[in-house]
PDB file of all heavy atoms in Angstrom:
ATOM      1  N   GLY A   1      -5.093   2.638  -2.930  1.00  0.00           N
ATOM      2  CA  GLY A   1      -4.717   2.402  -4.315  1.00  0.00           C
ATOM      3  C   GLY A   1      -4.478   0.956  -4.683  1.00  0.00           C
ATOM      4  O   GLY A   1      -4.017   0.667  -5.779  1.00  0.00           O
ATOM      5  N   ARG A   2      -4.794   0.057  -3.785  1.00  0.00           N
ATOM      6  CA  ARG A   2      -4.670  -1.363  -4.103  1.00  0.00           C
ATOM      7  C   ARG A   2      -5.615  -2.173  -3.236  1.00  0.00           C
ATOM      8  O   ARG A   2      -6.160  -1.682  -2.259  1.00  0.00           O
ATOM      9  CB  ARG A   2      -3.239  -1.859  -3.947  1.00  0.00           C
ATOM     10  CG  ARG A   2      -2.734  -1.856  -2.528  1.00  0.00           C
ATOM     11  CD  ARG A   2      -1.389  -2.500  -2.386  1.00  0.00           C
ATOM     12  NE  ARG A   2      -1.549  -3.941  -2.314  1.00  0.00           N
ATOM     13  CZ  ARG A   2      -0.649  -4.747  -1.779  1.00  0.00           C
ATOM     14  NH1 ARG A   2       0.479  -4.273  -1.313  1.00  0.00           N
ATOM     15  NH2 ARG A   2      -0.858  -6.030  -1.730  1.00  0.00           N
ATOM     16  N   SER A   3      -5.781  -3.422  -3.600  1.00  0.00           N
ATOM     17  CA  SER A   3      -6.695  -4.332  -2.927  1.00  0.00           C
ATOM     18  C   SER A   3      -5.945  -5.317  -2.043  1.00  0.00           C
ATOM     19  O   SER A   3      -4.763  -5.591  -2.271  1.00  0.00           O
ATOM     20  CB  SER A   3      -7.481  -5.106  -4.005  1.00  0.00           C
ATOM     21  OG  SER A   3      -8.281  -6.111  -3.437  1.00  0.00           O
ATOM     22  N   GLN A   4      -6.631  -5.861  -1.073  1.00  0.00           N
ATOM     23  CA  GLN A   4      -6.089  -6.994  -0.323  1.00  0.00           C
ATOM     24  C   GLN A   4      -5.929  -8.206  -1.234  1.00  0.00           C
ATOM     25  O   GLN A   4      -5.094  -9.060  -1.004  1.00  0.00           O
ATOM     26  CB  GLN A   4      -7.019  -7.387   0.822  1.00  0.00           C
ATOM     27  CG  GLN A   4      -7.124  -6.377   1.922  1.00  0.00           C
ATOM     28  CD  GLN A   4      -8.005  -6.902   3.026  1.00  0.00           C
ATOM     29  OE1 GLN A   4      -7.660  -7.865   3.711  1.00  0.00           O
ATOM     30  NE2 GLN A   4      -9.152  -6.283   3.198  1.00  0.00           N
ATOM     31  N   ASN A   5      -6.763  -8.267  -2.260  1.00  0.00           N
ATOM     32  CA  ASN A   5      -6.755  -9.376  -3.215  1.00  0.00           C
ATOM     33  C   ASN A   5      -5.700  -9.096  -4.281  1.00  0.00           C
ATOM     34  O   ASN A   5      -5.835  -8.167  -5.071  1.00  0.00           O
ATOM     35  CB  ASN A   5      -8.142  -9.510  -3.837  1.00  0.00           C
ATOM     36  CG  ASN A   5      -8.272 -10.696  -4.754  1.00  0.00           C
ATOM     37  OD1 ASN A   5      -7.289 -11.166  -5.332  1.00  0.00           O
ATOM     38  ND2 ASN A   5      -9.480 -11.181  -4.911  1.00  0.00           N
ATOM     39  N   SER A   6      -4.662  -9.889  -4.327  1.00  0.00           N
ATOM     40  CA  SER A   6      -3.544  -9.641  -5.238  1.00  0.00           C
ATOM     41  C   SER A   6      -3.902  -9.811  -6.712  1.00  0.00           C
ATOM     42  O   SER A   6      -3.127  -9.423  -7.581  1.00  0.00           O
ATOM     43  CB  SER A   6      -2.357 -10.542  -4.880  1.00  0.00           C
ATOM     44  OG  SER A   6      -2.737 -11.908  -5.033  1.00  0.00           O
ATOM     45  N   THR A   7      -5.075 -10.356  -7.015  1.00  0.00           N
ATOM     46  CA  THR A   7      -5.474 -10.489  -8.421  1.00  0.00           C
ATOM     47  C   THR A   7      -6.082  -9.200  -8.980  1.00  0.00           C
ATOM     48  O   THR A   7      -6.241  -9.084 -10.188  1.00  0.00           O
ATOM     49  CB  THR A   7      -6.487 -11.646  -8.617  1.00  0.00           C
ATOM     50  OG1 THR A   7      -7.702 -11.325  -7.926  1.00  0.00           O
ATOM     51  CG2 THR A   7      -5.923 -12.958  -8.107  1.00  0.00           C
ATOM     52  N   HIS A   8      -6.413  -8.250  -8.112  1.00  0.00           N
ATOM     53  CA  HIS A   8      -6.977  -6.977  -8.563  1.00  0.00           C
ATOM     54  C   HIS A   8      -5.863  -6.023  -8.985  1.00  0.00           C
ATOM     55  O   HIS A   8      -4.825  -5.964  -8.334  1.00  0.00           O
ATOM     56  CB  HIS A   8      -7.814  -6.324  -7.457  1.00  0.00           C
ATOM     57  CG  HIS A   8      -9.025  -7.108  -7.092  1.00  0.00           C
ATOM     58  ND1 HIS A   8      -9.630  -6.987  -5.872  1.00  0.00           N
ATOM     59  CD2 HIS A   8      -9.752  -8.021  -7.770  1.00  0.00           C
ATOM     60  CE1 HIS A   8     -10.683  -7.789  -5.815  1.00  0.00           C
ATOM     61  NE2 HIS A   8     -10.769  -8.432  -6.961  1.00  0.00           N
ATOM     62  N   PRO A   9      -6.099  -5.236 -10.029  1.00  0.00           N
ATOM     63  CA  PRO A   9      -5.067  -4.288 -10.464  1.00  0.00           C
ATOM     64  C   PRO A   9      -4.916  -3.130  -9.483  1.00  0.00           C
ATOM     65  O   PRO A   9      -5.825  -2.818  -8.727  1.00  0.00           O
ATOM     66  CB  PRO A   9      -5.587  -3.789 -11.819  1.00  0.00           C
ATOM     67  CG  PRO A   9      -7.065  -3.998 -11.766  1.00  0.00           C
ATOM     68  CD  PRO A   9      -7.289  -5.191 -10.885  1.00  0.00           C
ATOM     69  N   TYR A  10      -3.742  -2.501  -9.523  1.00  0.00           N
ATOM     70  CA  TYR A  10      -3.476  -1.312  -8.719  1.00  0.00           C
ATOM     71  C   TYR A  10      -4.152  -0.106  -9.362  1.00  0.00           C
ATOM     72  O   TYR A  10      -4.400  -0.082 -10.564  1.00  0.00           O
ATOM     73  CB  TYR A  10      -1.972  -1.038  -8.640  1.00  0.00           C
ATOM     74  CG  TYR A  10      -1.215  -1.923  -7.682  1.00  0.00           C
ATOM     75  CD1 TYR A  10      -1.417  -3.290  -7.635  1.00  0.00           C
ATOM     76  CD2 TYR A  10      -0.271  -1.383  -6.844  1.00  0.00           C
ATOM     77  CE1 TYR A  10      -0.702  -4.087  -6.764  1.00  0.00           C
ATOM     78  CE2 TYR A  10       0.457  -2.177  -5.972  1.00  0.00           C
ATOM     79  CZ  TYR A  10       0.230  -3.531  -5.934  1.00  0.00           C
ATOM     80  OH  TYR A  10       0.933  -4.313  -5.074  1.00  0.00           O
ATOM     81  N   LEU A  11      -4.414   0.907  -8.557  1.00  0.00           N
ATOM     82  CA  LEU A  11      -4.955   2.166  -9.044  1.00  0.00           C
ATOM     83  C   LEU A  11      -3.895   2.887  -9.873  1.00  0.00           C
ATOM     84  O   LEU A  11      -2.760   3.034  -9.433  1.00  0.00           O
ATOM     85  CB  LEU A  11      -5.364   3.055  -7.862  1.00  0.00           C
ATOM     86  CG  LEU A  11      -5.785   4.482  -8.195  1.00  0.00           C
ATOM     87  CD1 LEU A  11      -7.139   4.481  -8.897  1.00  0.00           C
ATOM     88  CD2 LEU A  11      -5.842   5.324  -6.931  1.00  0.00           C
ATOM     89  N   HIS A  12      -4.258   3.305 -11.067  1.00  0.00           N
ATOM     90  CA  HIS A  12      -3.413   4.209 -11.855  1.00  0.00           C
ATOM     91  C   HIS A  12      -3.979   5.592 -11.620  1.00  0.00           C
ATOM     92  O   HIS A  12      -4.992   5.960 -12.212  1.00  0.00           O
ATOM     93  CB  HIS A  12      -3.447   3.839 -13.339  1.00  0.00           C
ATOM     94  CG  HIS A  12      -2.729   2.570 -13.637  1.00  0.00           C
ATOM     95  ND1 HIS A  12      -2.465   2.152 -14.893  1.00  0.00           N
ATOM     96  CD2 HIS A  12      -2.201   1.620 -12.826  1.00  0.00           C
ATOM     97  CE1 HIS A  12      -1.815   1.012 -14.864  1.00  0.00           C
ATOM     98  NE2 HIS A  12      -1.659   0.665 -13.611  1.00  0.00           N
ATOM     99  N   GLY A  13      -3.341   6.312 -10.730  1.00  0.00           N
ATOM    100  CA  GLY A  13      -3.813   7.623 -10.318  1.00  0.00           C
ATOM    101  C   GLY A  13      -3.178   7.981  -8.994  1.00  0.00           C
ATOM    102  O   GLY A  13      -2.038   7.606  -8.724  1.00  0.00           O
ATOM    103  N   ALA A  14      -3.927   8.667  -8.146  1.00  0.00           N
ATOM    104  CA  ALA A  14      -3.384   9.104  -6.860  1.00  0.00           C
ATOM    105  C   ALA A  14      -4.504   9.267  -5.843  1.00  0.00           C
ATOM    106  O   ALA A  14      -5.662   9.488  -6.207  1.00  0.00           O
ATOM    107  CB  ALA A  14      -2.644  10.431  -7.036  1.00  0.00           C
ATOM    108  N   VAL A  15      -4.132   9.155  -4.571  1.00  0.00           N
ATOM    109  CA  VAL A  15      -5.056   9.355  -3.454  1.00  0.00           C
ATOM    110  C   VAL A  15      -4.404  10.350  -2.499  1.00  0.00           C
ATOM    111  O   VAL A  15      -3.211  10.255  -2.218  1.00  0.00           O
ATOM    112  CB  VAL A  15      -5.336   8.034  -2.704  1.00  0.00           C
ATOM    113  CG1 VAL A  15      -6.257   8.272  -1.509  1.00  0.00           C
ATOM    114  CG2 VAL A  15      -5.923   6.989  -3.636  1.00  0.00           C
ATOM    115  N   ARG A  16      -5.182  11.304  -2.019  1.00  0.00           N
ATOM    116  CA  ARG A  16      -4.689  12.255  -1.013  1.00  0.00           C
ATOM    117  C   ARG A  16      -5.824  12.574  -0.043  1.00  0.00           C
ATOM    118  O   ARG A  16      -6.983  12.262  -0.302  1.00  0.00           O
ATOM    119  CB  ARG A  16      -4.131  13.518  -1.654  1.00  0.00           C
ATOM    120  CG  ARG A  16      -5.175  14.393  -2.290  1.00  0.00           C
ATOM    121  CD  ARG A  16      -4.566  15.654  -2.884  1.00  0.00           C
ATOM    122  NE  ARG A  16      -5.642  16.552  -3.267  1.00  0.00           N
ATOM    123  CZ  ARG A  16      -5.531  17.475  -4.182  1.00  0.00           C
ATOM    124  NH1 ARG A  16      -4.408  17.655  -4.819  1.00  0.00           N
ATOM    125  NH2 ARG A  16      -6.554  18.251  -4.466  1.00  0.00           N
ATOM    126  N   ASP A  17      -5.485  13.195   1.048  1.00  0.00           N
ATOM    127  CA  ASP A  17      -6.464  13.631   2.059  1.00  0.00           C
ATOM    128  C   ASP A  17      -7.357  12.493   2.541  1.00  0.00           C
ATOM    129  O   ASP A  17      -8.550  12.691   2.764  1.00  0.00           O
ATOM    130  CB  ASP A  17      -7.332  14.777   1.528  1.00  0.00           C
ATOM    131  CG  ASP A  17      -6.542  16.011   1.151  1.00  0.00           C
ATOM    132  OD1 ASP A  17      -5.481  16.231   1.752  1.00  0.00           O
ATOM    133  OD2 ASP A  17      -6.977  16.733   0.239  1.00  0.00           O
ATOM    134  N   PHE A  18      -6.791  11.316   2.738  1.00  0.00           N
ATOM    135  CA  PHE A  18      -7.554  10.174   3.234  1.00  0.00           C
ATOM    136  C   PHE A  18      -7.891  10.415   4.700  1.00  0.00           C
ATOM    137  O   PHE A  18      -7.008  10.749   5.495  1.00  0.00           O
ATOM    138  CB  PHE A  18      -6.746   8.885   3.085  1.00  0.00           C
ATOM    139  CG  PHE A  18      -7.464   7.671   3.581  1.00  0.00           C
ATOM    140  CD1 PHE A  18      -8.407   7.053   2.786  1.00  0.00           C
ATOM    141  CD2 PHE A  18      -7.206   7.165   4.836  1.00  0.00           C
ATOM    142  CE1 PHE A  18      -9.089   5.926   3.251  1.00  0.00           C
ATOM    143  CE2 PHE A  18      -7.868   6.042   5.306  1.00  0.00           C
ATOM    144  CZ  PHE A  18      -8.816   5.430   4.507  1.00  0.00           C
ATOM    145  N   ARG A  19      -9.157  10.260   5.051  1.00  0.00           N
ATOM    146  CA  ARG A  19      -9.604  10.507   6.436  1.00  0.00           C
ATOM    147  C   ARG A  19     -10.592   9.437   6.891  1.00  0.00           C
ATOM    148  O   ARG A  19     -11.450   9.023   6.131  1.00  0.00           O
ATOM    149  CB  ARG A  19     -10.305  11.866   6.543  1.00  0.00           C
ATOM    150  CG  ARG A  19      -9.431  13.026   6.173  1.00  0.00           C
ATOM    151  CD  ARG A  19     -10.200  14.323   6.245  1.00  0.00           C
ATOM    152  NE  ARG A  19      -9.420  15.411   5.687  1.00  0.00           N
ATOM    153  CZ  ARG A  19      -9.731  16.676   5.817  1.00  0.00           C
ATOM    154  NH1 ARG A  19     -10.806  17.029   6.499  1.00  0.00           N
ATOM    155  NH2 ARG A  19      -8.971  17.607   5.276  1.00  0.00           N
ATOM    156  N   LEU A  20     -10.467   9.065   8.151  1.00  0.00           N
ATOM    157  CA  LEU A  20     -11.438   8.201   8.822  1.00  0.00           C
ATOM    158  C   LEU A  20     -12.078   9.016   9.936  1.00  0.00           C
ATOM    159  O   LEU A  20     -11.371   9.647  10.719  1.00  0.00           O
ATOM    160  CB  LEU A  20     -10.752   6.982   9.441  1.00  0.00           C
ATOM    161  CG  LEU A  20     -10.196   5.942   8.494  1.00  0.00           C
ATOM    162  CD1 LEU A  20      -9.380   4.921   9.269  1.00  0.00           C
ATOM    163  CD2 LEU A  20     -11.316   5.253   7.753  1.00  0.00           C
ATOM    164  N   HIS A  21     -13.381   9.004  10.005  1.00  0.00           N
ATOM    165  CA  HIS A  21     -14.121   9.703  11.053  1.00  0.00           C
ATOM    166  C   HIS A  21     -14.846   8.651  11.882  1.00  0.00           C
ATOM    167  O   HIS A  21     -15.390   7.696  11.327  1.00  0.00           O
ATOM    168  CB  HIS A  21     -15.152  10.667  10.455  1.00  0.00           C
ATOM    169  CG  HIS A  21     -14.550  11.683   9.532  1.00  0.00           C
ATOM    170  ND1 HIS A  21     -14.231  12.959   9.934  1.00  0.00           N
ATOM    171  CD2 HIS A  21     -14.212  11.612   8.230  1.00  0.00           C
ATOM    172  CE1 HIS A  21     -13.727  13.633   8.914  1.00  0.00           C
ATOM    173  NE2 HIS A  21     -13.698  12.833   7.868  1.00  0.00           N
ATOM    174  N   ASN A  22     -14.914   8.850  13.176  1.00  0.00           N
ATOM    175  CA  ASN A  22     -15.556   7.867  14.047  1.00  0.00           C
ATOM    176  C   ASN A  22     -17.071   8.035  14.119  1.00  0.00           C
ATOM    177  O   ASN A  22     -17.716   7.496  15.005  1.00  0.00           O
ATOM    178  CB  ASN A  22     -14.945   7.901  15.445  1.00  0.00           C
ATOM    179  CG  ASN A  22     -15.202   9.218  16.150  1.00  0.00           C
ATOM    180  OD1 ASN A  22     -15.733  10.166  15.569  1.00  0.00           O
ATOM    181  ND2 ASN A  22     -14.811   9.289  17.415  1.00  0.00           N
ATOM    182  N   ARG A  23     -17.628   8.764  13.165  1.00  0.00           N
ATOM    183  CA  ARG A  23     -19.093   8.927  13.091  1.00  0.00           C
ATOM    184  C   ARG A  23     -19.473   9.199  11.641  1.00  0.00           C
ATOM    185  O   ARG A  23     -18.629   9.552  10.825  1.00  0.00           O
ATOM    186  CB  ARG A  23     -19.557  10.083  13.970  1.00  0.00           C
ATOM    187  CG  ARG A  23     -18.977  11.411  13.544  1.00  0.00           C
ATOM    188  CD  ARG A  23     -19.334  12.534  14.520  1.00  0.00           C
ATOM    189  NE  ARG A  23     -18.697  13.763  14.134  1.00  0.00           N
ATOM    190  CZ  ARG A  23     -19.164  14.588  13.196  1.00  0.00           C
ATOM    191  NH1 ARG A  23     -20.274  14.299  12.562  1.00  0.00           N
ATOM    192  NH2 ARG A  23     -18.522  15.710  12.915  1.00  0.00           N
ATOM    193  N   ALA A  24     -20.736   9.024  11.355  1.00  0.00           N
ATOM    194  CA  ALA A  24     -21.233   9.326  10.014  1.00  0.00           C
ATOM    195  C   ALA A  24     -21.444  10.830   9.901  1.00  0.00           C
ATOM    196  O   ALA A  24     -22.213  11.411  10.670  1.00  0.00           O
ATOM    197  CB  ALA A  24     -22.534   8.585   9.742  1.00  0.00           C
TER     198      ALA A  24
END
């Protein structure tokens, strides 16, 4: 919901079920 770059705005909304998979 946000960027490493502090000049970018934050997400107005929500994030859930974030997943990283070690393969495509």
